[in-house]
Amino acid sequence: MNLARRLASGACALLVALASADVGWAQTQRLNVGGCDIRRGTLCTNKNLNGAALPGADLRNSQFSRTVLSGADLRRASLTEANFSSTDLRGADLRGATLVRTNLRGARLNGANLAGADLRNAMLQNADLSNADLTGAHLEEADLTNARLNGARLHEADLRRANLRAAHLQAASLRGARLQGTDLTRASLENADLTGAHLDQAILRNTQTRGCIGCP
């Protein structure tokens, strides 16, 4: 009986060791992409990571400025306080990603999917979000000064107290969006759709609203 137990115990230990080896190998493959170590706080600037698959990656406090991440899979990734300034994220999948206080100044996010993403206090000055999907995204107190949001989908997005001064929102859809206290000074809302949007205390000084649906 003792011999049987020892054999069973040895078999279990071998299986655990093999499983650990497989996990370690898989992690090694995922942690180095395009010569860049994928981990929290990594330095990965001026790299080409086009189409990288990094769902759920922990990249908080990392540096990715001027890197190409177009078409990358960053679903549910943790990107809090990372630096993506002037980064190419065109067509990237950032659904459900956390980008709190993330630096996205001048980033190219054309056609990116940011549905449900957390962008509270994010820095998006001069970023290009044309035709991006920001459905249900959290953008409270984000700075989108002079950002390009032409044709963007912002259905039910939370933009309370966000800075959208001089932002380009031509033909954007903000149906049901929360814009309480949002600064839209000199922004362009031409042909935008604000049906059902919440505009209490929103600042609309010198805002262009020609053809806008639901604008005051």
N, C-alpha and C. Protein backbone atom coordinates (compact mmCIF):
# COMPACT_ATOMS: atom_id res chain seq x y z
N MET A 1 0.84 -1.21 0.00
CA MET A 1 0.00 0.00 0.00
C MET A 1 0.87 1.25 0.00
N ASN A 2 1.96 1.22 0.83
CA ASN A 2 2.86 2.37 0.87
C ASN A 2 3.56 2.58 -0.46
N LEU A 3 3.91 1.44 -1.11
CA LEU A 3 4.56 1.53 -2.42
C LEU A 3 3.62 2.17 -3.44
N ALA A 4 2.36 1.79 -3.42
CA ALA A 4 1.37 2.34 -4.35
C ALA A 4 1.23 3.84 -4.13
N ARG A 5 1.23 4.24 -2.85
CA ARG A 5 1.09 5.67 -2.55
C ARG A 5 2.30 6.46 -3.04
N ARG A 6 3.49 5.83 -2.83
CA ARG A 6 4.71 6.52 -3.28
C ARG A 6 4.74 6.68 -4.79
N LEU A 7 4.27 5.65 -5.51
CA LEU A 7 4.23 5.71 -6.97
C LEU A 7 3.24 6.77 -7.44
N ALA A 8 2.07 6.82 -6.77
CA ALA A 8 1.05 7.81 -7.14
C ALA A 8 1.57 9.22 -6.88
N SER A 9 2.24 9.38 -5.74
CA SER A 9 2.79 10.69 -5.39
C SER A 9 3.85 11.12 -6.39
N GLY A 10 4.68 10.17 -6.80
CA GLY A 10 5.72 10.48 -7.78
C GLY A 10 5.13 10.86 -9.12
N ALA A 11 4.07 10.17 -9.52
CA ALA A 11 3.41 10.48 -10.79
C ALA A 11 2.81 11.87 -10.76
N CYS A 12 2.19 12.23 -9.63
CA CYS A 12 1.60 13.57 -9.49
C CYS A 12 2.67 14.64 -9.57
N ALA A 13 3.81 14.38 -8.90
CA ALA A 13 4.90 15.36 -8.93
C ALA A 13 5.42 15.56 -10.33
N LEU A 14 5.51 14.45 -11.10
CA LEU A 14 5.98 14.55 -12.49
C LEU A 14 5.02 15.35 -13.34
N LEU A 15 3.72 15.13 -13.15
CA LEU A 15 2.72 15.87 -13.91
C LEU A 15 2.77 17.35 -13.60
N VAL A 16 2.93 17.69 -12.32
CA VAL A 16 3.03 19.09 -11.92
C VAL A 16 4.25 19.75 -12.55
N ALA A 17 5.38 19.01 -12.53
CA ALA A 17 6.62 19.55 -13.10
C ALA A 17 6.46 19.80 -14.60
N LEU A 18 5.83 18.85 -15.29
CA LEU A 18 5.61 19.02 -16.73
C LEU A 18 4.69 20.18 -17.02
N ALA A 19 3.63 20.30 -16.21
CA ALA A 19 2.68 21.41 -16.40
C ALA A 19 3.37 22.73 -16.17
N SER A 20 4.24 22.79 -15.13
CA SER A 20 4.96 24.02 -14.84
C SER A 20 5.90 24.39 -15.98
N ALA A 21 6.53 23.37 -16.54
CA ALA A 21 7.44 23.62 -17.65
C ALA A 21 6.68 24.19 -18.83
N ASP A 22 5.48 23.62 -19.12
CA ASP A 22 4.68 24.11 -20.24
C ASP A 22 4.26 25.55 -20.01
N VAL A 23 3.83 25.89 -18.75
CA VAL A 23 3.40 27.24 -18.44
C VAL A 23 4.57 28.20 -18.58
N GLY A 24 5.74 27.78 -18.05
CA GLY A 24 6.93 28.63 -18.15
C GLY A 24 7.30 28.90 -19.58
N TRP A 25 7.23 27.85 -20.44
CA TRP A 25 7.55 28.02 -21.85
C TRP A 25 6.58 29.01 -22.51
N ALA A 26 5.28 28.84 -22.19
CA ALA A 26 4.26 29.72 -22.78
C ALA A 26 4.49 31.16 -22.35
N GLN A 27 4.83 31.35 -21.06
CA GLN A 27 5.06 32.71 -20.58
C GLN A 27 6.28 33.32 -21.24
N THR A 28 7.32 32.48 -21.43
CA THR A 28 8.52 32.99 -22.08
C THR A 28 8.20 33.48 -23.49
N GLN A 29 7.34 32.72 -24.18
CA GLN A 29 6.97 33.13 -25.53
C GLN A 29 6.20 34.44 -25.51
N ARG A 30 5.37 34.64 -24.50
CA ARG A 30 4.54 35.84 -24.45
C ARG A 30 5.31 37.04 -23.93
N LEU A 31 6.33 36.82 -23.10
CA LEU A 31 6.98 37.94 -22.43
C LEU A 31 8.03 38.64 -23.28
N ASN A 32 8.35 38.08 -24.44
CA ASN A 32 9.28 38.75 -25.33
C ASN A 32 8.66 38.82 -26.72
N VAL A 33 8.31 40.03 -27.12
CA VAL A 33 7.67 40.23 -28.41
C VAL A 33 8.46 41.27 -29.19
N GLY A 34 8.94 40.88 -30.35
CA GLY A 34 9.69 41.82 -31.18
C GLY A 34 10.92 42.38 -30.50
N GLY A 35 11.55 41.56 -29.64
CA GLY A 35 12.73 42.02 -28.92
C GLY A 35 12.42 42.92 -27.75
N CYS A 36 11.15 42.94 -27.36
CA CYS A 36 10.72 43.81 -26.26
C CYS A 36 10.17 42.96 -25.12
N ASP A 37 10.70 43.14 -23.92
CA ASP A 37 10.20 42.41 -22.75
C ASP A 37 8.83 42.95 -22.36
N ILE A 38 7.83 42.09 -22.39
CA ILE A 38 6.47 42.51 -22.07
C ILE A 38 6.21 42.25 -20.60
N ARG A 39 6.32 43.29 -19.80
CA ARG A 39 6.13 43.20 -18.37
C ARG A 39 5.80 44.60 -17.83
N ARG A 40 5.41 44.65 -16.60
CA ARG A 40 5.12 45.93 -15.98
C ARG A 40 6.39 46.80 -15.92
N GLY A 41 6.25 48.07 -16.30
CA GLY A 41 7.36 49.00 -16.20
C GLY A 41 8.42 48.82 -17.27
N THR A 42 8.10 48.11 -18.35
CA THR A 42 9.10 47.86 -19.38
C THR A 42 9.40 49.11 -20.20
N LEU A 43 10.59 49.16 -20.78
CA LEU A 43 10.98 50.25 -21.68
C LEU A 43 10.98 49.69 -23.09
N CYS A 44 10.06 50.16 -23.92
CA CYS A 44 9.88 49.58 -25.25
C CYS A 44 9.53 50.68 -26.24
N THR A 45 10.42 51.63 -26.42
CA THR A 45 10.16 52.76 -27.31
C THR A 45 10.74 52.51 -28.70
N ASN A 46 10.13 53.16 -29.69
CA ASN A 46 10.61 53.08 -31.08
C ASN A 46 10.71 51.64 -31.59
N LYS A 47 9.77 50.79 -31.21
CA LYS A 47 9.77 49.39 -31.64
C LYS A 47 8.64 49.15 -32.64
N ASN A 48 8.75 48.06 -33.39
CA ASN A 48 7.68 47.65 -34.29
C ASN A 48 7.02 46.40 -33.72
N LEU A 49 5.86 46.58 -33.10
CA LEU A 49 5.11 45.48 -32.51
C LEU A 49 3.76 45.35 -33.21
N ASN A 50 3.77 45.58 -34.50
CA ASN A 50 2.55 45.53 -35.29
C ASN A 50 1.84 44.18 -35.12
N GLY A 51 0.56 44.24 -34.73
CA GLY A 51 -0.25 43.04 -34.60
C GLY A 51 0.08 42.18 -33.39
N ALA A 52 0.81 42.70 -32.42
CA ALA A 52 1.18 41.92 -31.24
C ALA A 52 -0.05 41.43 -30.49
N ALA A 53 0.00 40.18 -30.00
CA ALA A 53 -1.12 39.60 -29.24
C ALA A 53 -0.77 39.67 -27.75
N LEU A 54 -1.36 40.63 -27.05
CA LEU A 54 -1.05 40.85 -25.63
C LEU A 54 -2.31 41.01 -24.79
N PRO A 55 -3.31 40.14 -24.98
CA PRO A 55 -4.53 40.30 -24.18
C PRO A 55 -4.27 40.09 -22.70
N GLY A 56 -4.78 40.99 -21.88
CA GLY A 56 -4.64 40.86 -20.43
C GLY A 56 -3.26 41.15 -19.89
N ALA A 57 -2.35 41.67 -20.72
CA ALA A 57 -0.98 41.93 -20.26
C ALA A 57 -0.94 43.03 -19.21
N ASP A 58 -0.02 42.90 -18.25
CA ASP A 58 0.19 43.92 -17.23
C ASP A 58 1.34 44.81 -17.69
N LEU A 59 1.00 45.98 -18.23
CA LEU A 59 1.99 46.90 -18.77
C LEU A 59 1.90 48.25 -18.08
N ARG A 60 1.50 48.24 -16.83
CA ARG A 60 1.41 49.49 -16.08
C ARG A 60 2.77 50.16 -15.98
N ASN A 61 2.76 51.49 -16.07
CA ASN A 61 3.97 52.30 -15.92
C ASN A 61 5.03 52.02 -16.99
N SER A 62 4.62 51.40 -18.10
CA SER A 62 5.57 51.08 -19.17
C SER A 62 5.74 52.23 -20.14
N GLN A 63 6.82 52.17 -20.93
CA GLN A 63 7.14 53.20 -21.92
C GLN A 63 7.03 52.61 -23.32
N PHE A 64 6.03 53.09 -24.09
CA PHE A 64 5.83 52.62 -25.46
C PHE A 64 5.77 53.78 -26.45
N SER A 65 6.36 54.90 -26.11
CA SER A 65 6.28 56.07 -26.98
C SER A 65 6.91 55.77 -28.34
N ARG A 66 6.25 56.26 -29.38
CA ARG A 66 6.69 56.15 -30.78
C ARG A 66 6.84 54.70 -31.25
N THR A 67 6.15 53.79 -30.59
CA THR A 67 6.17 52.38 -30.99
C THR A 67 4.97 52.08 -31.89
N VAL A 68 5.13 51.12 -32.81
CA VAL A 68 4.04 50.73 -33.70
C VAL A 68 3.31 49.54 -33.08
N LEU A 69 2.06 49.75 -32.71
CA LEU A 69 1.20 48.69 -32.15
C LEU A 69 -0.10 48.61 -32.93
N SER A 70 -0.05 48.96 -34.20
CA SER A 70 -1.26 48.93 -35.00
C SER A 70 -1.79 47.50 -35.10
N GLY A 71 -3.09 47.36 -34.94
CA GLY A 71 -3.71 46.05 -35.00
C GLY A 71 -3.41 45.14 -33.82
N ALA A 72 -2.79 45.68 -32.78
CA ALA A 72 -2.43 44.85 -31.62
C ALA A 72 -3.66 44.44 -30.82
N ASP A 73 -3.57 43.29 -30.18
CA ASP A 73 -4.64 42.80 -29.31
C ASP A 73 -4.26 43.13 -27.87
N LEU A 74 -4.88 44.17 -27.33
CA LEU A 74 -4.62 44.62 -25.96
C LEU A 74 -5.90 44.58 -25.14
N ARG A 75 -6.76 43.65 -25.46
CA ARG A 75 -8.02 43.53 -24.71
C ARG A 75 -7.73 43.29 -23.24
N ARG A 76 -8.43 44.04 -22.39
CA ARG A 76 -8.36 43.91 -20.93
C ARG A 76 -6.94 44.12 -20.39
N ALA A 77 -6.06 44.68 -21.16
CA ALA A 77 -4.69 44.93 -20.69
C ALA A 77 -4.68 46.02 -19.63
N SER A 78 -3.73 45.93 -18.70
CA SER A 78 -3.56 46.95 -17.66
C SER A 78 -2.49 47.93 -18.14
N LEU A 79 -2.90 49.14 -18.48
CA LEU A 79 -2.00 50.12 -19.07
C LEU A 79 -1.99 51.42 -18.27
N THR A 80 -2.34 51.34 -17.01
CA THR A 80 -2.40 52.52 -16.16
C THR A 80 -1.05 53.23 -16.10
N GLU A 81 -1.08 54.55 -16.31
CA GLU A 81 0.08 55.43 -16.22
C GLU A 81 1.22 55.01 -17.16
N ALA A 82 0.89 54.28 -18.22
CA ALA A 82 1.89 53.96 -19.24
C ALA A 82 2.05 55.16 -20.18
N ASN A 83 3.13 55.15 -20.95
CA ASN A 83 3.40 56.24 -21.89
C ASN A 83 3.27 55.72 -23.32
N PHE A 84 2.20 56.14 -23.99
CA PHE A 84 1.97 55.78 -25.38
C PHE A 84 1.97 57.03 -26.26
N SER A 85 2.72 58.04 -25.88
CA SER A 85 2.73 59.29 -26.65
C SER A 85 3.29 59.04 -28.05
N SER A 86 2.60 59.59 -29.05
CA SER A 86 3.00 59.46 -30.46
C SER A 86 3.09 58.00 -30.91
N THR A 87 2.36 57.11 -30.26
CA THR A 87 2.37 55.69 -30.60
C THR A 87 1.31 55.39 -31.65
N ASP A 88 1.61 54.44 -32.55
CA ASP A 88 0.67 54.04 -33.59
C ASP A 88 -0.17 52.88 -33.08
N LEU A 89 -1.42 53.16 -32.75
CA LEU A 89 -2.36 52.14 -32.25
C LEU A 89 -3.56 52.02 -33.19
N ARG A 90 -3.34 52.31 -34.44
CA ARG A 90 -4.44 52.26 -35.41
C ARG A 90 -5.02 50.84 -35.48
N GLY A 91 -6.34 50.77 -35.35
CA GLY A 91 -7.02 49.48 -35.45
C GLY A 91 -6.75 48.53 -34.30
N ALA A 92 -6.13 49.00 -33.24
CA ALA A 92 -5.84 48.13 -32.09
C ALA A 92 -7.12 47.77 -31.35
N ASP A 93 -7.11 46.61 -30.71
CA ASP A 93 -8.25 46.15 -29.92
C ASP A 93 -7.94 46.41 -28.45
N LEU A 94 -8.58 47.43 -27.89
CA LEU A 94 -8.36 47.82 -26.50
C LEU A 94 -9.64 47.70 -25.69
N ARG A 95 -10.50 46.80 -26.09
CA ARG A 95 -11.76 46.64 -25.38
C ARG A 95 -11.52 46.25 -23.92
N GLY A 96 -12.14 47.01 -23.02
CA GLY A 96 -12.04 46.70 -21.61
C GLY A 96 -10.67 46.96 -21.00
N ALA A 97 -9.77 47.60 -21.75
CA ALA A 97 -8.44 47.88 -21.22
C ALA A 97 -8.50 49.00 -20.17
N THR A 98 -7.52 49.00 -19.25
CA THR A 98 -7.44 50.03 -18.23
C THR A 98 -6.32 51.00 -18.60
N LEU A 99 -6.71 52.26 -18.87
CA LEU A 99 -5.76 53.28 -19.30
C LEU A 99 -5.87 54.52 -18.43
N VAL A 100 -6.01 54.32 -17.14
CA VAL A 100 -6.18 55.43 -16.20
C VAL A 100 -4.88 56.24 -16.14
N ARG A 101 -5.00 57.55 -16.34
CA ARG A 101 -3.86 58.48 -16.31
C ARG A 101 -2.77 58.11 -17.32
N THR A 102 -3.15 57.40 -18.37
CA THR A 102 -2.19 57.00 -19.40
C THR A 102 -1.90 58.16 -20.34
N ASN A 103 -0.64 58.28 -20.76
CA ASN A 103 -0.22 59.33 -21.67
C ASN A 103 -0.40 58.86 -23.11
N LEU A 104 -1.40 59.41 -23.79
CA LEU A 104 -1.68 59.08 -25.19
C LEU A 104 -1.62 60.33 -26.05
N ARG A 105 -0.81 61.29 -25.64
CA ARG A 105 -0.70 62.54 -26.40
C ARG A 105 -0.18 62.26 -27.82
N GLY A 106 -0.92 62.74 -28.80
CA GLY A 106 -0.49 62.58 -30.18
C GLY A 106 -0.53 61.16 -30.69
N ALA A 107 -1.15 60.25 -29.95
CA ALA A 107 -1.24 58.85 -30.39
C ALA A 107 -2.21 58.72 -31.55
N ARG A 108 -1.96 57.72 -32.40
CA ARG A 108 -2.85 57.46 -33.53
C ARG A 108 -3.71 56.25 -33.18
N LEU A 109 -4.98 56.52 -32.96
CA LEU A 109 -5.94 55.48 -32.55
C LEU A 109 -7.08 55.38 -33.56
N ASN A 110 -6.79 55.73 -34.79
CA ASN A 110 -7.82 55.69 -35.84
C ASN A 110 -8.42 54.28 -35.93
N GLY A 111 -9.73 54.19 -35.83
CA GLY A 111 -10.39 52.90 -35.99
C GLY A 111 -10.14 51.92 -34.87
N ALA A 112 -9.52 52.35 -33.78
CA ALA A 112 -9.27 51.44 -32.65
C ALA A 112 -10.57 51.12 -31.92
N ASN A 113 -10.61 49.96 -31.28
CA ASN A 113 -11.78 49.56 -30.51
C ASN A 113 -11.48 49.74 -29.03
N LEU A 114 -12.10 50.77 -28.44
CA LEU A 114 -11.91 51.09 -27.03
C LEU A 114 -13.22 50.95 -26.26
N ALA A 115 -14.10 50.11 -26.75
CA ALA A 115 -15.39 49.93 -26.10
C ALA A 115 -15.19 49.45 -24.66
N GLY A 116 -15.82 50.16 -23.73
CA GLY A 116 -15.73 49.79 -22.32
C GLY A 116 -14.39 50.05 -21.67
N ALA A 117 -13.47 50.70 -22.37
CA ALA A 117 -12.15 50.98 -21.80
C ALA A 117 -12.23 52.04 -20.70
N ASP A 118 -11.31 51.96 -19.75
CA ASP A 118 -11.26 52.92 -18.65
C ASP A 118 -10.15 53.93 -18.94
N LEU A 119 -10.56 55.13 -19.36
CA LEU A 119 -9.63 56.19 -19.74
C LEU A 119 -9.75 57.40 -18.82
N ARG A 120 -10.10 57.16 -17.57
CA ARG A 120 -10.25 58.28 -16.65
C ARG A 120 -8.92 59.02 -16.48
N ASN A 121 -8.99 60.34 -16.58
CA ASN A 121 -7.82 61.21 -16.42
C ASN A 121 -6.72 60.93 -17.45
N ALA A 122 -7.06 60.25 -18.53
CA ALA A 122 -6.06 59.99 -19.57
C ALA A 122 -5.70 61.28 -20.30
N MET A 123 -4.46 61.33 -20.81
CA MET A 123 -3.97 62.50 -21.54
C MET A 123 -4.01 62.19 -23.03
N LEU A 124 -4.99 62.77 -23.71
CA LEU A 124 -5.22 62.47 -25.13
C LEU A 124 -5.14 63.73 -26.00
N GLN A 125 -4.37 64.71 -25.55
CA GLN A 125 -4.24 65.93 -26.33
C GLN A 125 -3.67 65.63 -27.72
N ASN A 126 -4.32 66.16 -28.74
CA ASN A 126 -3.89 66.01 -30.14
C ASN A 126 -3.89 64.55 -30.62
N ALA A 127 -4.53 63.66 -29.89
CA ALA A 127 -4.62 62.26 -30.33
C ALA A 127 -5.63 62.15 -31.48
N ASP A 128 -5.42 61.15 -32.33
CA ASP A 128 -6.33 60.92 -33.45
C ASP A 128 -7.17 59.69 -33.16
N LEU A 129 -8.46 59.91 -32.85
CA LEU A 129 -9.40 58.84 -32.54
C LEU A 129 -10.51 58.78 -33.60
N SER A 130 -10.18 59.20 -34.80
CA SER A 130 -11.17 59.20 -35.88
C SER A 130 -11.73 57.79 -36.09
N ASN A 131 -13.05 57.70 -36.14
CA ASN A 131 -13.75 56.43 -36.38
C ASN A 131 -13.46 55.36 -35.33
N ALA A 132 -12.96 55.76 -34.18
CA ALA A 132 -12.73 54.80 -33.09
C ALA A 132 -14.05 54.45 -32.41
N ASP A 133 -14.09 53.26 -31.81
CA ASP A 133 -15.28 52.83 -31.07
C ASP A 133 -15.01 53.01 -29.58
N LEU A 134 -15.70 54.00 -28.98
CA LEU A 134 -15.56 54.29 -27.57
C LEU A 134 -16.89 54.06 -26.84
N THR A 135 -17.65 53.14 -27.34
CA THR A 135 -18.94 52.83 -26.74
C THR A 135 -18.78 52.43 -25.28
N GLY A 136 -19.48 53.14 -24.39
CA GLY A 136 -19.44 52.81 -22.98
C GLY A 136 -18.10 53.06 -22.31
N ALA A 137 -17.20 53.78 -22.97
CA ALA A 137 -15.88 54.05 -22.39
C ALA A 137 -15.99 55.06 -21.25
N HIS A 138 -15.07 54.96 -20.29
CA HIS A 138 -15.01 55.90 -19.17
C HIS A 138 -13.91 56.92 -19.46
N LEU A 139 -14.34 58.17 -19.68
CA LEU A 139 -13.41 59.25 -20.02
C LEU A 139 -13.56 60.41 -19.06
N GLU A 140 -13.99 60.13 -17.84
CA GLU A 140 -14.17 61.20 -16.87
C GLU A 140 -12.85 61.94 -16.65
N GLU A 141 -12.92 63.27 -16.80
CA GLU A 141 -11.79 64.16 -16.55
C GLU A 141 -10.60 63.89 -17.47
N ALA A 142 -10.82 63.20 -18.57
CA ALA A 142 -9.75 63.00 -19.55
C ALA A 142 -9.50 64.29 -20.30
N ASP A 143 -8.27 64.49 -20.76
CA ASP A 143 -7.92 65.69 -21.52
C ASP A 143 -7.84 65.35 -23.00
N LEU A 144 -8.85 65.79 -23.74
CA LEU A 144 -8.94 65.52 -25.18
C LEU A 144 -8.82 66.82 -25.98
N THR A 145 -8.04 67.76 -25.47
CA THR A 145 -7.86 69.03 -26.14
C THR A 145 -7.36 68.81 -27.57
N ASN A 146 -8.08 69.38 -28.53
CA ASN A 146 -7.69 69.31 -29.95
C ASN A 146 -7.61 67.88 -30.49
N ALA A 147 -8.25 66.94 -29.81
CA ALA A 147 -8.26 65.56 -30.30
C ALA A 147 -9.19 65.43 -31.50
N ARG A 148 -8.86 64.49 -32.38
CA ARG A 148 -9.69 64.23 -33.56
C ARG A 148 -10.58 63.03 -33.25
N LEU A 149 -11.89 63.29 -33.21
CA LEU A 149 -12.88 62.26 -32.92
C LEU A 149 -13.93 62.19 -34.03
N ASN A 150 -13.52 62.57 -35.23
CA ASN A 150 -14.44 62.56 -36.36
C ASN A 150 -15.00 61.16 -36.58
N GLY A 151 -16.32 61.06 -36.61
CA GLY A 151 -16.94 59.77 -36.88
C GLY A 151 -16.80 58.75 -35.76
N ALA A 152 -16.30 59.16 -34.60
CA ALA A 152 -16.13 58.23 -33.49
C ALA A 152 -17.47 57.84 -32.88
N ARG A 153 -17.54 56.64 -32.32
CA ARG A 153 -18.76 56.16 -31.66
C ARG A 153 -18.55 56.28 -30.15
N LEU A 154 -19.34 57.17 -29.55
CA LEU A 154 -19.24 57.43 -28.12
C LEU A 154 -20.57 57.18 -27.43
N HIS A 155 -21.29 56.16 -27.90
CA HIS A 155 -22.59 55.84 -27.32
C HIS A 155 -22.44 55.49 -25.85
N GLU A 156 -23.23 56.16 -25.00
CA GLU A 156 -23.24 55.90 -23.56
C GLU A 156 -21.87 56.11 -22.90
N ALA A 157 -20.96 56.79 -23.58
CA ALA A 157 -19.65 57.05 -22.98
C ALA A 157 -19.78 58.06 -21.83
N ASP A 158 -18.92 57.95 -20.84
CA ASP A 158 -18.93 58.86 -19.69
C ASP A 158 -17.82 59.88 -19.87
N LEU A 159 -18.21 61.11 -20.22
CA LEU A 159 -17.25 62.20 -20.47
C LEU A 159 -17.42 63.32 -19.45
N ARG A 160 -17.91 62.99 -18.29
CA ARG A 160 -18.13 64.04 -17.29
C ARG A 160 -16.83 64.76 -16.94
N ARG A 161 -16.92 66.09 -16.99
CA ARG A 161 -15.80 66.98 -16.65
C ARG A 161 -14.57 66.76 -17.52
N ALA A 162 -14.75 66.13 -18.67
CA ALA A 162 -13.63 65.96 -19.60
C ALA A 162 -13.33 67.28 -20.31
N ASN A 163 -12.11 67.42 -20.78
CA ASN A 163 -11.69 68.61 -21.51
C ASN A 163 -11.70 68.29 -23.00
N LEU A 164 -12.68 68.84 -23.70
CA LEU A 164 -12.80 68.63 -25.15
C LEU A 164 -12.67 69.96 -25.88
N ARG A 165 -11.88 70.86 -25.33
CA ARG A 165 -11.68 72.16 -25.97
C ARG A 165 -11.05 71.98 -27.35
N ALA A 166 -11.67 72.60 -28.34
CA ALA A 166 -11.19 72.57 -29.73
C ALA A 166 -11.12 71.15 -30.31
N ALA A 167 -11.86 70.22 -29.72
CA ALA A 167 -11.87 68.85 -30.24
C ALA A 167 -12.70 68.77 -31.52
N HIS A 168 -12.33 67.84 -32.38
CA HIS A 168 -13.02 67.65 -33.66
C HIS A 168 -13.97 66.46 -33.54
N LEU A 169 -15.27 66.76 -33.48
CA LEU A 169 -16.28 65.73 -33.27
C LEU A 169 -17.28 65.69 -34.42
N GLN A 170 -16.83 66.08 -35.61
CA GLN A 170 -17.72 66.10 -36.76
C GLN A 170 -18.25 64.68 -37.03
N ALA A 171 -19.56 64.58 -37.16
CA ALA A 171 -20.25 63.32 -37.47
C ALA A 171 -20.03 62.24 -36.42
N ALA A 172 -19.59 62.63 -35.23
CA ALA A 172 -19.44 61.66 -34.13
C ALA A 172 -20.80 61.34 -33.54
N SER A 173 -20.94 60.14 -32.98
CA SER A 173 -22.19 59.75 -32.34
C SER A 173 -22.00 59.71 -30.84
N LEU A 174 -22.71 60.62 -30.15
CA LEU A 174 -22.64 60.70 -28.69
C LEU A 174 -24.00 60.41 -28.08
N ARG A 175 -24.71 59.47 -28.67
CA ARG A 175 -26.05 59.14 -28.20
C ARG A 175 -25.99 58.61 -26.77
N GLY A 176 -26.72 59.28 -25.88
CA GLY A 176 -26.78 58.87 -24.48
C GLY A 176 -25.50 59.12 -23.70
N ALA A 177 -24.57 59.86 -24.27
CA ALA A 177 -23.31 60.12 -23.58
C ALA A 177 -23.52 61.04 -22.38
N ARG A 178 -22.67 60.91 -21.38
CA ARG A 178 -22.73 61.76 -20.19
C ARG A 178 -21.71 62.87 -20.36
N LEU A 179 -22.23 64.09 -20.53
CA LEU A 179 -21.37 65.24 -20.80
C LEU A 179 -21.54 66.32 -19.73
N GLN A 180 -21.94 65.93 -18.53
CA GLN A 180 -22.13 66.90 -17.47
C GLN A 180 -20.80 67.57 -17.10
N GLY A 181 -20.78 68.89 -17.20
CA GLY A 181 -19.59 69.63 -16.84
C GLY A 181 -18.45 69.53 -17.84
N THR A 182 -18.71 68.94 -18.99
CA THR A 182 -17.67 68.79 -20.02
C THR A 182 -17.40 70.12 -20.72
N ASP A 183 -16.14 70.41 -20.96
CA ASP A 183 -15.75 71.66 -21.63
C ASP A 183 -15.63 71.42 -23.13
N LEU A 184 -16.58 71.96 -23.88
CA LEU A 184 -16.59 71.83 -25.35
C LEU A 184 -16.34 73.17 -26.02
N THR A 185 -15.61 74.03 -25.34
CA THR A 185 -15.29 75.35 -25.90
C THR A 185 -14.57 75.20 -27.23
N ARG A 186 -15.09 75.86 -28.26
CA ARG A 186 -14.52 75.89 -29.62
C ARG A 186 -14.45 74.51 -30.27
N ALA A 187 -15.13 73.54 -29.70
CA ALA A 187 -15.17 72.21 -30.32
C ALA A 187 -16.10 72.23 -31.52
N SER A 188 -15.90 71.29 -32.43
CA SER A 188 -16.78 71.17 -33.58
C SER A 188 -17.69 69.96 -33.42
N LEU A 189 -19.00 70.23 -33.35
CA LEU A 189 -20.00 69.17 -33.25
C LEU A 189 -20.86 69.14 -34.51
N GLU A 190 -20.31 69.60 -35.60
CA GLU A 190 -21.07 69.64 -36.85
C GLU A 190 -21.49 68.23 -37.27
N ASN A 191 -22.80 68.08 -37.52
CA ASN A 191 -23.39 66.81 -37.96
C ASN A 191 -23.22 65.68 -36.94
N ALA A 192 -22.92 66.03 -35.70
CA ALA A 192 -22.82 65.02 -34.65
C ALA A 192 -24.21 64.65 -34.14
N ASP A 193 -24.32 63.51 -33.48
CA ASP A 193 -25.60 63.06 -32.94
C ASP A 193 -25.51 62.98 -31.43
N LEU A 194 -26.22 63.89 -30.73
CA LEU A 194 -26.22 63.92 -29.27
C LEU A 194 -27.59 63.53 -28.71
N THR A 195 -28.32 62.72 -29.45
CA THR A 195 -29.63 62.29 -28.99
C THR A 195 -29.54 61.62 -27.62
N GLY A 196 -30.29 62.14 -26.66
CA GLY A 196 -30.31 61.56 -25.33
C GLY A 196 -29.08 61.83 -24.49
N ALA A 197 -28.18 62.68 -24.98
CA ALA A 197 -26.97 63.00 -24.22
C ALA A 197 -27.31 63.88 -23.02
N HIS A 198 -26.55 63.76 -21.95
CA HIS A 198 -26.75 64.54 -20.73
C HIS A 198 -25.77 65.72 -20.75
N LEU A 199 -26.31 66.94 -20.84
CA LEU A 199 -25.47 68.12 -21.05
C LEU A 199 -25.53 69.12 -19.90
N ASP A 200 -25.96 68.70 -18.73
CA ASP A 200 -26.04 69.62 -17.60
C ASP A 200 -24.68 70.24 -17.32
N GLN A 201 -24.65 71.58 -17.27
CA GLN A 201 -23.45 72.36 -16.96
C GLN A 201 -22.31 72.15 -17.96
N ALA A 202 -22.62 71.58 -19.12
CA ALA A 202 -21.60 71.49 -20.17
C ALA A 202 -21.28 72.88 -20.69
N ILE A 203 -20.03 73.11 -21.05
CA ILE A 203 -19.59 74.42 -21.55
C ILE A 203 -19.55 74.35 -23.08
N LEU A 204 -20.40 75.14 -23.72
CA LEU A 204 -20.51 75.12 -25.18
C LEU A 204 -20.19 76.49 -25.76
N ARG A 205 -19.16 77.13 -25.24
CA ARG A 205 -18.79 78.47 -25.69
C ARG A 205 -18.11 78.40 -27.06
N ASN A 206 -18.69 79.12 -28.02
CA ASN A 206 -18.15 79.17 -29.40
C ASN A 206 -18.05 77.78 -30.04
N THR A 207 -18.92 76.87 -29.61
CA THR A 207 -18.94 75.52 -30.18
C THR A 207 -19.69 75.52 -31.52
N GLN A 208 -19.16 74.82 -32.51
CA GLN A 208 -19.80 74.74 -33.82
C GLN A 208 -20.81 73.59 -33.81
N THR A 209 -22.07 73.91 -34.02
CA THR A 209 -23.13 72.90 -33.90
C THR A 209 -23.99 72.77 -35.16
N ARG A 210 -23.51 73.25 -36.28
CA ARG A 210 -24.31 73.18 -37.51
C ARG A 210 -24.61 71.72 -37.85
N GLY A 211 -25.87 71.42 -38.04
CA GLY A 211 -26.30 70.06 -38.41
C GLY A 211 -26.28 69.07 -37.26
N CYS A 212 -26.01 69.57 -36.06
CA CYS A 212 -25.94 68.68 -34.89
C CYS A 212 -27.34 68.26 -34.45
N ILE A 213 -27.51 66.99 -34.17
CA ILE A 213 -28.78 66.48 -33.66
C ILE A 213 -28.72 66.41 -32.14
N GLY A 214 -29.65 67.09 -31.47
CA GLY A 214 -29.70 67.05 -30.02
C GLY A 214 -28.85 68.11 -29.33
N CYS A 215 -28.20 68.97 -30.10
CA CYS A 215 -27.41 70.04 -29.48
C CYS A 215 -28.35 71.12 -28.96
N PRO A 216 -28.00 71.82 -27.86
CA PRO A 216 -28.86 72.88 -27.33
C PRO A 216 -28.95 74.06 -28.31
